[in-house]
């Protein structure tokens, strides 16, 4: 989850207002939407992501078997009309397992990305606004976390969670992923704290945390949106890595990482056990990467990729 964008991109001036046929200027978000829709790879990415979400929701409902149900008449069977994605050596339906695994990975990724985005936004903007000792302590913690091997800590804590994806997601929020975005947010908020509206709010007696929540965070919203989409990719890869080495979601529950980990051991004898969850993971990460690139270009008025507003 360490992949970030240049913060200067998201705080650039808004694009020149485009006008409707009636002569009225369009809203900022309407312009952003139009620029995003002009980016065909980004639109393709969001379509793929939505299809994956539909598959994760509808897949378990239309599957002929539950993901933990065993079919003793089809042990290690290849894809067929009875089992669309084949079965495992134990008789589990791979189609149901991939659908549930994608569902779990999406739940973890979205919750972790949302949690780390909120946490980094509050910590980064608060450190920039209050300054002084608060800023020094915050940066000291951030720099310390950046040199600590967080993946090892995450592995140890996740191993004691019992494999519950909710606990794993909560651990991931507070152990890894928030400190680098928080530092980028702090860098961006340093310039915002000297703006006139911040000084006016302080002069009117508005509390520090209210200024942070009402003025600083909303004005870095575009940065947070892109961080959120990039965070989904990072969280998926982190969860996949944990489950692949046995520290993530555990049986009877499944995730894409655990399915890929078990399928890698049988890739020569039963390749469908690896290829189907690997394809779902690849489509998920590629789609979110395309969406994040599209959002970056749409929110950056200096980018030629988004087209002229």
Foldseek 3Di string as FASTA:
>chain_A
DLDADQLVQQLDDQADFDADPVRHTDDSVVLLVLLLVLQVLLVVLVVLQVVLVCCLVCQCVPQPDAQLDADPVFALADADPNQNLGAHNRRGRLSNQLSLQSNLLQVLLLLLLVLLLVVLLLLQLLLLQVPDPSVVVLVVVLVVLVPDPLLVVLLVVLQVPQQDSVVSSVSCNPRDDNSSSSNSLNVNNNVVCPDPVNVVCVVVPNDPSCCSVPPSSVSSVLSSVLSSLVSSLVSSVSQLVSLLVPSHHDPPRHHLSVQLNVLVVCCPPRVSSNVPSVVSNVSNNSSSVSNSVSSSQSSRNVHPSSPRD
